[in-house]
């Protein structure tokens, strides 16, 4: 798509009457803008470093829990300067560490009747 595809059609009456944009063109433009915004948002989160306070809110824990586990080196983190920070990958790893799968010997859950 080029910028010429997005330009309104020219009118022979020197623009005295209002020009109307094709509805499909507006929908295509809105879709393209939404796709660009979603790509930017995902890239922004992946590159962002979270403070222990922000990571604690995401994980549903206290800031103290995050700081203590960083100091004990029980959770992954990185340093930005002298400050510990957690990336989105670190937070996903912490969440995966806590995953518990059901035992193959467990009784199956009863279906609600």
PDB file of N, CA and C in Angstrom:
ATOM      1  N   UNK A   1       0.856  -1.166   0.000  1.00  0.00           N
ATOM      2  CA  UNK A   1       0.000   0.000   0.000  1.00  0.00           C
ATOM      3  C   UNK A   1       0.902   1.229   0.000  1.00  0.00           C
ATOM      4  N   UNK A   2       0.597   2.152  -0.885  1.00  0.00           N
ATOM      5  CA  UNK A   2       1.371   3.391  -0.959  1.00  0.00           C
ATOM      6  C   UNK A   2       0.528   4.546  -0.472  1.00  0.00           C
ATOM      7  N   UNK A   3       1.161   5.686  -0.302  1.00  0.00           N
ATOM      8  CA  UNK A   3       0.394   6.846   0.163  1.00  0.00           C
ATOM      9  C   UNK A   3      -0.599   7.309  -0.887  1.00  0.00           C
ATOM     10  N   UNK A   4      -0.357   7.010  -2.154  1.00  0.00           N
ATOM     11  CA  UNK A   4      -1.314   7.367  -3.200  1.00  0.00           C
ATOM     12  C   UNK A   4      -2.606   6.561  -3.076  1.00  0.00           C
ATOM     13  N   UNK A   5      -2.484   5.338  -2.536  1.00  0.00           N
ATOM     14  CA  UNK A   5      -3.692   4.531  -2.327  1.00  0.00           C
ATOM     15  C   UNK A   5      -4.581   5.141  -1.249  1.00  0.00           C
ATOM     16  N   UNK A   6      -3.992   5.880  -0.315  1.00  0.00           N
ATOM     17  CA  UNK A   6      -4.740   6.464   0.784  1.00  0.00           C
ATOM     18  C   UNK A   6      -5.266   7.863   0.491  1.00  0.00           C
ATOM     19  N   UNK A   7      -4.789   8.472  -0.588  1.00  0.00           N
ATOM     20  CA  UNK A   7      -5.196   9.841  -0.915  1.00  0.00           C
ATOM     21  C   UNK A   7      -6.650   9.867  -1.381  1.00  0.00           C
ATOM     22  N   UNK A   8      -7.392  10.925  -0.990  1.00  0.00           N
ATOM     23  CA  UNK A   8      -8.779  11.016  -1.444  1.00  0.00           C
ATOM     24  C   UNK A   8      -8.818  11.286  -2.951  1.00  0.00           C
ATOM     25  N   UNK A   9      -9.885  10.885  -3.602  1.00  0.00           N
ATOM     26  CA  UNK A   9      -9.980  11.131  -5.039  1.00  0.00           C
ATOM     27  C   UNK A   9     -10.082  12.626  -5.314  1.00  0.00           C
ATOM     28  N   UNK A  10      -9.491  13.058  -6.427  1.00  0.00           N
ATOM     29  CA  UNK A  10      -9.546  14.473  -6.801  1.00  0.00           C
ATOM     30  C   UNK A  10     -10.879  14.777  -7.458  1.00  0.00           C
ATOM     31  N   UNK A  11     -11.319  16.014  -7.306  1.00  0.00           N
ATOM     32  CA  UNK A  11     -12.623  16.404  -7.840  1.00  0.00           C
ATOM     33  C   UNK A  11     -12.417  17.458  -8.931  1.00  0.00           C
ATOM     34  N   UNK A  12     -13.287  17.426  -9.909  1.00  0.00           N
ATOM     35  CA  UNK A  12     -13.207  18.364 -11.024  1.00  0.00           C
ATOM     36  C   UNK A  12     -13.750  19.733 -10.633  1.00  0.00           C
ATOM     37  N   UNK A  13     -14.510  19.847  -9.537  1.00  0.00           N
ATOM     38  CA  UNK A  13     -15.121  21.129  -9.168  1.00  0.00           C
ATOM     39  C   UNK A  13     -14.241  21.931  -8.207  1.00  0.00           C
ATOM     40  N   UNK A  14     -12.933  21.707  -8.246  1.00  0.00           N
ATOM     41  CA  UNK A  14     -11.952  22.441  -7.445  1.00  0.00           C
ATOM     42  C   UNK A  14     -12.193  22.330  -5.945  1.00  0.00           C
ATOM     43  N   UNK A  15     -12.735  21.225  -5.493  1.00  0.00           N
ATOM     44  CA  UNK A  15     -12.887  20.965  -4.074  1.00  0.00           C
ATOM     45  C   UNK A  15     -14.034  21.686  -3.414  1.00  0.00           C
ATOM     46  N   UNK A  16     -14.965  22.282  -4.194  1.00  0.00           N
ATOM     47  CA  UNK A  16     -16.092  22.995  -3.577  1.00  0.00           C
ATOM     48  C   UNK A  16     -17.024  22.033  -2.853  1.00  0.00           C
ATOM     49  N   UNK A  17     -17.265  20.880  -3.449  1.00  0.00           N
ATOM     50  CA  UNK A  17     -18.095  19.875  -2.777  1.00  0.00           C
ATOM     51  C   UNK A  17     -17.163  19.009  -1.941  1.00  0.00           C
ATOM     52  N   UNK A  18     -17.645  18.531  -0.790  1.00  0.00           N
ATOM     53  CA  UNK A  18     -16.810  17.707   0.096  1.00  0.00           C
ATOM     54  C   UNK A  18     -16.443  16.393  -0.568  1.00  0.00           C
ATOM     55  N   UNK A  19     -15.239  15.970  -0.351  1.00  0.00           N
ATOM     56  CA  UNK A  19     -14.820  14.684  -0.899  1.00  0.00           C
ATOM     57  C   UNK A  19     -15.158  13.595   0.099  1.00  0.00           C
ATOM     58  N   UNK A  20     -15.538  12.456  -0.409  1.00  0.00           N
ATOM     59  CA  UNK A  20     -15.868  11.337   0.466  1.00  0.00           C
ATOM     60  C   UNK A  20     -14.850  10.235   0.263  1.00  0.00           C
ATOM     61  N   UNK A  21     -14.417   9.648   1.359  1.00  0.00           N
ATOM     62  CA  UNK A  21     -13.477   8.535   1.282  1.00  0.00           C
ATOM     63  C   UNK A  21     -14.260   7.234   1.178  1.00  0.00           C
ATOM     64  N   UNK A  22     -13.714   6.337   0.452  1.00  0.00           N
ATOM     65  CA  UNK A  22     -14.318   5.026   0.306  1.00  0.00           C
ATOM     66  C   UNK A  22     -14.285   4.323   1.659  1.00  0.00           C
ATOM     67  N   UNK A  23     -15.381   3.707   2.072  1.00  0.00           N
ATOM     68  CA  UNK A  23     -15.473   3.045   3.377  1.00  0.00           C
ATOM     69  C   UNK A  23     -14.469   1.913   3.498  1.00  0.00           C
ATOM     70  N   UNK A  24     -14.237   1.185   2.408  1.00  0.00           N
ATOM     71  CA  UNK A  24     -13.266   0.085   2.475  1.00  0.00           C
ATOM     72  C   UNK A  24     -11.862   0.612   2.694  1.00  0.00           C
ATOM     73  N   UNK A  25     -11.570   1.774   2.133  1.00  0.00           N
ATOM     74  CA  UNK A  25     -10.257   2.385   2.324  1.00  0.00           C
ATOM     75  C   UNK A  25     -10.056   2.763   3.785  1.00  0.00           C
ATOM     76  N   UNK A  26     -11.080   3.288   4.424  1.00  0.00           N
ATOM     77  CA  UNK A  26     -10.988   3.658   5.836  1.00  0.00           C
ATOM     78  C   UNK A  26     -10.790   2.413   6.685  1.00  0.00           C
ATOM     79  N   UNK A  27     -11.510   1.349   6.373  1.00  0.00           N
ATOM     80  CA  UNK A  27     -11.355   0.103   7.130  1.00  0.00           C
ATOM     81  C   UNK A  27      -9.968  -0.490   6.952  1.00  0.00           C
ATOM     82  N   UNK A  28      -9.426  -0.430   5.741  1.00  0.00           N
ATOM     83  CA  UNK A  28      -8.076  -0.936   5.503  1.00  0.00           C
ATOM     84  C   UNK A  28      -7.050  -0.127   6.266  1.00  0.00           C
ATOM     85  N   UNK A  29      -7.230   1.184   6.288  1.00  0.00           N
ATOM     86  CA  UNK A  29      -6.304   2.050   7.016  1.00  0.00           C
ATOM     87  C   UNK A  29      -6.377   1.776   8.517  1.00  0.00           C
ATOM     88  N   UNK A  30      -7.576   1.632   9.054  1.00  0.00           N
ATOM     89  CA  UNK A  30      -7.741   1.350  10.482  1.00  0.00           C
ATOM     90  C   UNK A  30      -7.104   0.008  10.839  1.00  0.00           C
ATOM     91  N   UNK A  31      -7.282  -0.984   9.982  1.00  0.00           N
ATOM     92  CA  UNK A  31      -6.684  -2.292  10.224  1.00  0.00           C
ATOM     93  C   UNK A  31      -5.159  -2.218  10.221  1.00  0.00           C
ATOM     94  N   UNK A  32      -4.599  -1.475   9.279  1.00  0.00           N
ATOM     95  CA  UNK A  32      -3.142  -1.331   9.206  1.00  0.00           C
ATOM     96  C   UNK A  32      -2.601  -0.630  10.442  1.00  0.00           C
ATOM     97  N   UNK A  33      -3.274   0.406  10.913  1.00  0.00           N
ATOM     98  CA  UNK A  33      -2.834   1.134  12.104  1.00  0.00           C
ATOM     99  C   UNK A  33      -2.900   0.230  13.338  1.00  0.00           C
ATOM    100  N   UNK A  34      -3.963  -0.560  13.475  1.00  0.00           N
ATOM    101  CA  UNK A  34      -4.091  -1.475  14.606  1.00  0.00           C
ATOM    102  C   UNK A  34      -2.986  -2.523  14.599  1.00  0.00           C
ATOM    103  N   UNK A  35      -2.640  -3.042  13.414  1.00  0.00           N
ATOM    104  CA  UNK A  35      -1.568  -4.027  13.324  1.00  0.00           C
ATOM    105  C   UNK A  35      -0.234  -3.419  13.730  1.00  0.00           C
ATOM    106  N   UNK A  36       0.038  -2.201  13.291  1.00  0.00           N
ATOM    107  CA  UNK A  36       1.285  -1.532  13.671  1.00  0.00           C
ATOM    108  C   UNK A  36       1.335  -1.280  15.171  1.00  0.00           C
ATOM    109  N   UNK A  37       0.221  -0.888  15.743  1.00  0.00           N
ATOM    110  CA  UNK A  37       0.174  -0.620  17.184  1.00  0.00           C
ATOM    111  C   UNK A  37       0.413  -1.895  17.981  1.00  0.00           C
ATOM    112  N   UNK A  38      -0.161  -3.014  17.548  1.00  0.00           N
ATOM    113  CA  UNK A  38       0.022  -4.262  18.293  1.00  0.00           C
ATOM    114  C   UNK A  38       1.461  -4.755  18.191  1.00  0.00           C
ATOM    115  N   UNK A  39       2.090  -4.602  17.051  1.00  0.00           N
ATOM    116  CA  UNK A  39       3.490  -5.002  16.890  1.00  0.00           C
ATOM    117  C   UNK A  39       4.368  -4.170  17.814  1.00  0.00           C
ATOM    118  N   UNK A  40       4.120  -2.875  17.870  1.00  0.00           N
ATOM    119  CA  UNK A  40       4.909  -1.986  18.720  1.00  0.00           C
ATOM    120  C   UNK A  40       4.723  -2.346  20.186  1.00  0.00           C
ATOM    121  N   UNK A  41       3.500  -2.654  20.596  1.00  0.00           N
ATOM    122  CA  UNK A  41       3.219  -2.972  21.994  1.00  0.00           C
ATOM    123  C   UNK A  41       3.944  -4.248  22.415  1.00  0.00           C
ATOM    124  N   UNK A  42       3.947  -5.280  21.572  1.00  0.00           N
ATOM    125  CA  UNK A  42       4.617  -6.536  21.894  1.00  0.00           C
ATOM    126  C   UNK A  42       6.123  -6.312  21.983  1.00  0.00           C
ATOM    127  N   UNK A  43       6.693  -5.600  21.023  1.00  0.00           N
ATOM    128  CA  UNK A  43       8.129  -5.334  21.041  1.00  0.00           C
ATOM    129  C   UNK A  43       8.507  -4.496  22.254  1.00  0.00           C
ATOM    130  N   UNK A  44       7.656  -3.549  22.622  1.00  0.00           N
ATOM    131  CA  UNK A  44       7.931  -2.689  23.760  1.00  0.00           C
ATOM    132  C   UNK A  44       7.978  -3.489  25.051  1.00  0.00           C
ATOM    133  N   UNK A  45       7.045  -4.417  25.236  1.00  0.00           N
ATOM    134  CA  UNK A  45       7.016  -5.231  26.457  1.00  0.00           C
ATOM    135  C   UNK A  45       8.216  -6.171  26.498  1.00  0.00           C
ATOM    136  N   UNK A  46       8.585  -6.760  25.371  1.00  0.00           N
ATOM    137  CA  UNK A  46       9.713  -7.695  25.343  1.00  0.00           C
ATOM    138  C   UNK A  46      11.032  -7.011  25.652  1.00  0.00           C
ATOM    139  N   UNK A  47      11.187  -5.756  25.293  1.00  0.00           N
ATOM    140  CA  UNK A  47      12.443  -5.047  25.521  1.00  0.00           C
ATOM    141  C   UNK A  47      12.474  -4.298  26.842  1.00  0.00           C
ATOM    142  N   UNK A  48      11.346  -4.209  27.504  1.00  0.00           N
ATOM    143  CA  UNK A  48      11.254  -3.429  28.733  1.00  0.00           C
ATOM    144  C   UNK A  48      11.829  -4.188  29.917  1.00  0.00           C
ATOM    145  N   UNK A  49      12.465  -3.472  30.829  1.00  0.00           N
ATOM    146  CA  UNK A  49      12.952  -4.045  32.081  1.00  0.00           C
ATOM    147  C   UNK A  49      12.066  -3.526  33.206  1.00  0.00           C
ATOM    148  N   UNK A  50      11.585  -4.440  34.037  1.00  0.00           N
ATOM    149  CA  UNK A  50      10.680  -4.095  35.126  1.00  0.00           C
ATOM    150  C   UNK A  50      11.445  -3.993  36.436  1.00  0.00           C
ATOM    151  N   UNK A  51      11.084  -3.036  37.266  1.00  0.00           N
ATOM    152  CA  UNK A  51      11.654  -2.922  38.602  1.00  0.00           C
ATOM    153  C   UNK A  51      11.081  -4.058  39.449  1.00  0.00           C
ATOM    154  N   UNK A  52      11.699  -4.356  40.584  1.00  0.00           N
ATOM    155  CA  UNK A  52      11.113  -5.379  41.465  1.00  0.00           C
ATOM    156  C   UNK A  52       9.668  -5.049  41.867  1.00  0.00           C
ATOM    157  N   UNK A  53       9.348  -3.781  42.063  1.00  0.00           N
ATOM    158  CA  UNK A  53       7.981  -3.391  42.418  1.00  0.00           C
ATOM    159  C   UNK A  53       7.006  -3.711  41.287  1.00  0.00           C
ATOM    160  N   UNK A  54       7.382  -3.370  40.049  1.00  0.00           N
ATOM    161  CA  UNK A  54       6.514  -3.645  38.905  1.00  0.00           C
ATOM    162  C   UNK A  54       6.370  -5.147  38.677  1.00  0.00           C
ATOM    163  N   UNK A  55       7.481  -5.883  38.803  1.00  0.00           N
ATOM    164  CA  UNK A  55       7.438  -7.332  38.621  1.00  0.00           C
ATOM    165  C   UNK A  55       6.565  -7.980  39.694  1.00  0.00           C
ATOM    166  N   UNK A  56       6.625  -7.462  40.914  1.00  0.00           N
ATOM    167  CA  UNK A  56       5.806  -8.012  41.999  1.00  0.00           C
ATOM    168  C   UNK A  56       4.324  -7.851  41.691  1.00  0.00           C
ATOM    169  N   UNK A  57       3.943  -6.692  41.145  1.00  0.00           N
ATOM    170  CA  UNK A  57       2.536  -6.481  40.786  1.00  0.00           C
ATOM    171  C   UNK A  57       2.097  -7.455  39.702  1.00  0.00           C
ATOM    172  N   UNK A  58       2.963  -7.701  38.722  1.00  0.00           N
ATOM    173  CA  UNK A  58       2.638  -8.625  37.632  1.00  0.00           C
ATOM    174  C   UNK A  58       2.501 -10.049  38.165  1.00  0.00           C
ATOM    175  N   UNK A  59       3.395 -10.432  39.076  1.00  0.00           N
ATOM    176  CA  UNK A  59       3.406 -11.790  39.615  1.00  0.00           C
ATOM    177  C   UNK A  59       2.395 -12.011  40.730  1.00  0.00           C
ATOM    178  N   UNK A  60       1.834 -10.936  41.250  1.00  0.00           N
ATOM    179  CA  UNK A  60       0.896 -11.065  42.357  1.00  0.00           C
ATOM    180  C   UNK A  60       1.597 -11.353  43.669  1.00  0.00           C
ATOM    181  N   UNK A  61       2.817 -10.895  43.813  1.00  0.00           N
ATOM    182  CA  UNK A  61       3.608 -11.089  45.027  1.00  0.00           C
ATOM    183  C   UNK A  61       3.951  -9.717  45.601  1.00  0.00           C
ATOM    184  N   UNK A  62       4.649  -9.724  46.731  1.00  0.00           N
ATOM    185  CA  UNK A  62       5.086  -8.452  47.313  1.00  0.00           C
ATOM    186  C   UNK A  62       6.449  -8.073  46.747  1.00  0.00           C
ATOM    187  N   UNK A  63       6.748  -6.806  46.809  1.00  0.00           N
ATOM    188  CA  UNK A  63       8.060  -6.344  46.360  1.00  0.00           C
ATOM    189  C   UNK A  63       9.153  -7.002  47.189  1.00  0.00           C
ATOM    190  N   UNK A  64       8.898  -7.166  48.491  1.00  0.00           N
ATOM    191  CA  UNK A  64       9.866  -7.793  49.383  1.00  0.00           C
ATOM    192  C   UNK A  64      10.179  -9.216  48.931  1.00  0.00           C
ATOM    193  N   UNK A  65       9.146  -9.977  48.487  1.00  0.00           N
ATOM    194  CA  UNK A  65       9.359 -11.344  48.008  1.00  0.00           C
ATOM    195  C   UNK A  65      10.285 -11.345  46.803  1.00  0.00           C
ATOM    196  N   UNK A  66      10.059 -10.424  45.874  1.00  0.00           N
ATOM    197  CA  UNK A  66      10.893 -10.350  44.666  1.00  0.00           C
ATOM    198  C   UNK A  66      12.322  -9.987  45.036  1.00  0.00           C
ATOM    199  N   UNK A  67      12.500  -8.984  45.886  1.00  0.00           N
ATOM    200  CA  UNK A  67      13.848  -8.543  46.264  1.00  0.00           C
ATOM    201  C   UNK A  67      14.597  -9.659  46.990  1.00  0.00           C
ATOM    202  N   UNK A  68      13.921 -10.335  47.939  1.00  0.00           N
ATOM    203  CA  UNK A  68      14.576 -11.423  48.670  1.00  0.00           C
ATOM    204  C   UNK A  68      14.997 -12.547  47.737  1.00  0.00           C
ATOM    205  N   UNK A  69      14.158 -12.898  46.773  1.00  0.00           N
ATOM    206  CA  UNK A  69      14.501 -13.969  45.839  1.00  0.00           C
ATOM    207  C   UNK A  69      15.585 -13.555  44.854  1.00  0.00           C
ATOM    208  N   UNK A  70      15.668 -12.281  44.535  1.00  0.00           N
ATOM    209  CA  UNK A  70      16.778 -11.793  43.702  1.00  0.00           C
ATOM    210  C   UNK A  70      18.075 -11.897  44.494  1.00  0.00           C
ATOM    211  N   UNK A  71      18.042 -11.446  45.745  1.00  0.00           N
ATOM    212  CA  UNK A  71      19.248 -11.481  46.574  1.00  0.00           C
ATOM    213  C   UNK A  71      19.725 -12.909  46.824  1.00  0.00           C
ATOM    214  N   UNK A  72      18.782 -13.838  46.965  1.00  0.00           N
ATOM    215  CA  UNK A  72      19.132 -15.244  47.175  1.00  0.00           C
ATOM    216  C   UNK A  72      19.416 -15.958  45.851  1.00  0.00           C
ATOM    217  N   UNK A  73      19.236 -15.250  44.756  1.00  0.00           N
ATOM    218  CA  UNK A  73      19.459 -15.774  43.399  1.00  0.00           C
ATOM    219  C   UNK A  73      18.591 -16.998  43.109  1.00  0.00           C
ATOM    220  N   UNK A  74      17.327 -16.946  43.575  1.00  0.00           N
ATOM    221  CA  UNK A  74      16.382 -18.029  43.301  1.00  0.00           C
ATOM    222  C   UNK A  74      15.551 -17.746  42.061  1.00  0.00           C
ATOM    223  N   UNK A  75      15.527 -16.519  41.591  1.00  0.00           N
ATOM    224  CA  UNK A  75      14.787 -16.167  40.378  1.00  0.00           C
ATOM    225  C   UNK A  75      15.734 -15.459  39.415  1.00  0.00           C
ATOM    226  N   UNK A  76      15.474 -15.574  38.120  1.00  0.00           N
ATOM    227  CA  UNK A  76      16.345 -14.912  37.144  1.00  0.00           C
ATOM    228  C   UNK A  76      16.122 -13.397  37.140  1.00  0.00           C
ATOM    229  N   UNK A  77      17.182 -12.655  36.880  1.00  0.00           N
ATOM    230  CA  UNK A  77      17.117 -11.197  36.797  1.00  0.00           C
ATOM    231  C   UNK A  77      18.343 -10.710  36.051  1.00  0.00           C
ATOM    232  N   UNK A  78      18.387  -9.438  35.779  1.00  0.00           N
ATOM    233  CA  UNK A  78      19.547  -8.821  35.147  1.00  0.00           C
ATOM    234  C   UNK A  78      19.826  -7.502  35.847  1.00  0.00           C
ATOM    235  N   UNK A  79      21.036  -7.040  35.722  1.00  0.00           N
ATOM    236  CA  UNK A  79      21.378  -5.740  36.270  1.00  0.00           C
ATOM    237  C   UNK A  79      21.378  -4.701  35.159  1.00  0.00           C
ATOM    238  N   UNK A  80      20.766  -3.571  35.428  1.00  0.00           N
ATOM    239  CA  UNK A  80      20.882  -2.393  34.572  1.00  0.00           C
ATOM    240  C   UNK A  80      21.612  -1.382  35.446  1.00  0.00           C
ATOM    241  N   UNK A  81      22.893  -1.228  35.191  1.00  0.00           N
ATOM    242  CA  UNK A  81      23.724  -0.452  36.102  1.00  0.00           C
ATOM    243  C   UNK A  81      23.879  -1.268  37.376  1.00  0.00           C
ATOM    244  N   UNK A  82      23.513  -0.686  38.502  1.00  0.00           N
ATOM    245  CA  UNK A  82      23.580  -1.407  39.776  1.00  0.00           C
ATOM    246  C   UNK A  82      22.206  -1.882  40.244  1.00  0.00           C
ATOM    247  N   UNK A  83      21.187  -1.659  39.426  1.00  0.00           N
ATOM    248  CA  UNK A  83      19.815  -1.977  39.826  1.00  0.00           C
ATOM    249  C   UNK A  83      19.355  -3.292  39.213  1.00  0.00           C
ATOM    250  N   UNK A  84      18.802  -4.186  40.035  1.00  0.00           N
ATOM    251  CA  UNK A  84      18.267  -5.430  39.467  1.00  0.00           C
ATOM    252  C   UNK A  84      16.960  -5.166  38.732  1.00  0.00           C
ATOM    253  N   UNK A  85      16.814  -5.787  37.577  1.00  0.00           N
ATOM    254  CA  UNK A  85      15.608  -5.642  36.767  1.00  0.00           C
ATOM    255  C   UNK A  85      15.200  -7.006  36.239  1.00  0.00           C
ATOM    256  N   UNK A  86      13.920  -7.144  35.948  1.00  0.00           N
ATOM    257  CA  UNK A  86      13.392  -8.383  35.386  1.00  0.00           C
ATOM    258  C   UNK A  86      12.770  -8.086  34.026  1.00  0.00           C
ATOM    259  N   UNK A  87      13.050  -8.945  33.058  1.00  0.00           N
ATOM    260  CA  UNK A  87      12.455  -8.795  31.733  1.00  0.00           C
ATOM    261  C   UNK A  87      11.192  -9.649  31.669  1.00  0.00           C
ATOM    262  N   UNK A  88      10.471  -9.531  30.580  1.00  0.00           N
ATOM    263  CA  UNK A  88       9.268 -10.348  30.384  1.00  0.00           C
ATOM    264  C   UNK A  88       9.636 -11.830  30.356  1.00  0.00           C
ATOM    265  N   UNK A  89      10.787 -12.163  29.785  1.00  0.00           N
ATOM    266  CA  UNK A  89      11.233 -13.562  29.752  1.00  0.00           C
ATOM    267  C   UNK A  89      11.510 -14.079  31.160  1.00  0.00           C
ATOM    268  N   UNK A  90      12.092 -13.232  32.018  1.00  0.00           N
ATOM    269  CA  UNK A  90      12.344 -13.631  33.406  1.00  0.00           C
ATOM    270  C   UNK A  90      11.026 -13.911  34.126  1.00  0.00           C
ATOM    271  N   UNK A  91      10.050 -13.045  33.921  1.00  0.00           N
ATOM    272  CA  UNK A  91       8.757 -13.204  34.587  1.00  0.00           C
ATOM    273  C   UNK A  91       8.063 -14.476  34.105  1.00  0.00           C
ATOM    274  N   UNK A  92       8.131 -14.753  32.801  1.00  0.00           N
ATOM    275  CA  UNK A  92       7.549 -15.997  32.278  1.00  0.00           C
ATOM    276  C   UNK A  92       8.249 -17.219  32.878  1.00  0.00           C
ATOM    277  N   UNK A  93       9.573 -17.134  33.054  1.00  0.00           N
ATOM    278  CA  UNK A  93      10.333 -18.238  33.638  1.00  0.00           C
ATOM    279  C   UNK A  93       9.916 -18.475  35.094  1.00  0.00           C
ATOM    280  N   UNK A  94       9.725 -17.404  35.854  1.00  0.00           N
ATOM    281  CA  UNK A  94       9.291 -17.523  37.249  1.00  0.00           C
ATOM    282  C   UNK A  94       7.917 -18.188  37.305  1.00  0.00           C
ATOM    283  N   UNK A  95       7.028 -17.795  36.418  1.00  0.00           N
ATOM    284  CA  UNK A  95       5.698 -18.393  36.382  1.00  0.00           C
ATOM    285  C   UNK A  95       5.781 -19.877  36.027  1.00  0.00           C
ATOM    286  N   UNK A  96       6.652 -20.233  35.093  1.00  0.00           N
ATOM    287  CA  UNK A  96       6.793 -21.628  34.678  1.00  0.00           C
ATOM    288  C   UNK A  96       7.398 -22.479  35.793  1.00  0.00           C
ATOM    289  N   UNK A  97       8.281 -21.894  36.620  1.00  0.00           N
ATOM    290  CA  UNK A  97       8.884 -22.637  37.728  1.00  0.00           C
ATOM    291  C   UNK A  97       7.827 -23.097  38.725  1.00  0.00           C
ATOM    292  N   UNK A  98       6.776 -22.336  38.871  1.00  0.00           N
ATOM    293  CA  UNK A  98       5.747 -22.673  39.843  1.00  0.00           C
ATOM    294  C   UNK A  98       4.670 -23.596  39.316  1.00  0.00           C
ATOM    295  N   UNK A  99       4.768 -24.001  38.057  1.00  0.00           N
ATOM    296  CA  UNK A  99       3.721 -24.838  37.467  1.00  0.00           C
ATOM    297  C   UNK A  99       3.743 -26.240  38.056  1.00  0.00           C
ATOM    298  N   UNK A 100       2.571 -26.719  38.411  1.00  0.00           N
ATOM    299  CA  UNK A 100       2.432 -28.071  38.956  1.00  0.00           C
ATOM    300  C   UNK A 100       1.445 -28.818  38.064  1.00  0.00           C
ATOM    301  N   UNK A 101       1.893 -29.932  37.527  1.00  0.00           N
ATOM    302  CA  UNK A 101       1.036 -30.747  36.674  1.00  0.00           C
ATOM    303  C   UNK A 101       0.355 -31.819  37.519  1.00  0.00           C
ATOM    304  N   UNK A 102      -0.837 -32.232  37.141  1.00  0.00           N
ATOM    305  CA  UNK A 102      -1.528 -33.251  37.927  1.00  0.00           C
ATOM    306  C   UNK A 102      -0.805 -34.591  37.843  1.00  0.00           C
ATOM    307  N   UNK A 103      -0.905 -35.351  38.918  1.00  0.00           N
ATOM    308  CA  UNK A 103      -0.300 -36.676  38.966  1.00  0.00           C
ATOM    309  C   UNK A 103      -1.085 -37.606  38.048  1.00  0.00           C
ATOM    310  N   UNK A 104      -0.370 -38.534  37.418  1.00  0.00           N
ATOM    311  CA  UNK A 104      -1.073 -39.481  36.555  1.00  0.00           C
ATOM    312  C   UNK A 104      -1.911 -40.449  37.371  1.00  0.00           C
ATOM    313  N   UNK A 105      -1.685 -40.483  38.682  1.00  0.00           N
ATOM    314  CA  UNK A 105      -2.445 -41.365  39.557  1.00  0.00           C
ATOM    315  C   UNK A 105      -3.615 -40.640  40.233  1.00  0.00           C
ATOM    316  N   UNK A 106      -3.764 -39.364  39.980  1.00  0.00           N
ATOM    317  CA  UNK A 106      -4.829 -38.598  40.610  1.00  0.00           C
ATOM    318  C   UNK A 106      -6.185 -39.035  40.061  1.00  0.00           C
ATOM    319  N   UNK A 107      -7.185 -38.963  40.909  1.00  0.00           N
ATOM    320  CA  UNK A 107      -8.534 -39.286  40.468  1.00  0.00           C
ATOM    321  C   UNK A 107      -9.020 -38.175  39.535  1.00  0.00           C
ATOM    322  N   UNK A 108      -9.712 -38.528  38.469  1.00  0.00           N
ATOM    323  CA  UNK A 108     -10.202 -37.494  37.551  1.00  0.00           C
ATOM    324  C   UNK A 108     -11.269 -36.638  38.237  1.00  0.00           C
ATOM    325  N   UNK A 109     -11.310 -35.371  37.879  1.00  0.00           N
ATOM    326  CA  UNK A 109     -12.298 -34.470  38.441  1.00  0.00           C
ATOM    327  C   UNK A 109     -13.684 -34.860  37.950  1.00  0.00           C
ATOM    328  N   UNK A 110     -14.643 -34.754  38.860  1.00  0.00           N
ATOM    329  CA  UNK A 110     -16.015 -35.080  38.469  1.00  0.00           C
ATOM    330  C   UNK A 110     -16.600 -33.931  37.681  1.00  0.00           C
ATOM    331  N   UNK A 111     -17.359 -34.282  36.669  1.00  0.00           N
ATOM    332  CA  UNK A 111     -18.022 -33.261  35.850  1.00  0.00           C
ATOM    333  C   UNK A 111     -19.215 -32.710  36.626  1.00  0.00           C
ATOM    334  N   UNK A 112     -19.409 -31.397  36.513  1.00  0.00           N
ATOM    335  CA  UNK A 112     -20.555 -30.763  37.176  1.00  0.00           C
ATOM    336  C   UNK A 112     -21.837 -31.188  36.476  1.00  0.00           C
ATOM    337  N   UNK A 113     -22.819 -31.625  37.251  1.00  0.00           N
ATOM    338  CA  UNK A 113     -24.070 -32.108  36.646  1.00  0.00           C
ATOM    339  C   UNK A 113     -25.119 -31.047  36.613  1.00  0.00           C
TER     340      UNK A 113
END
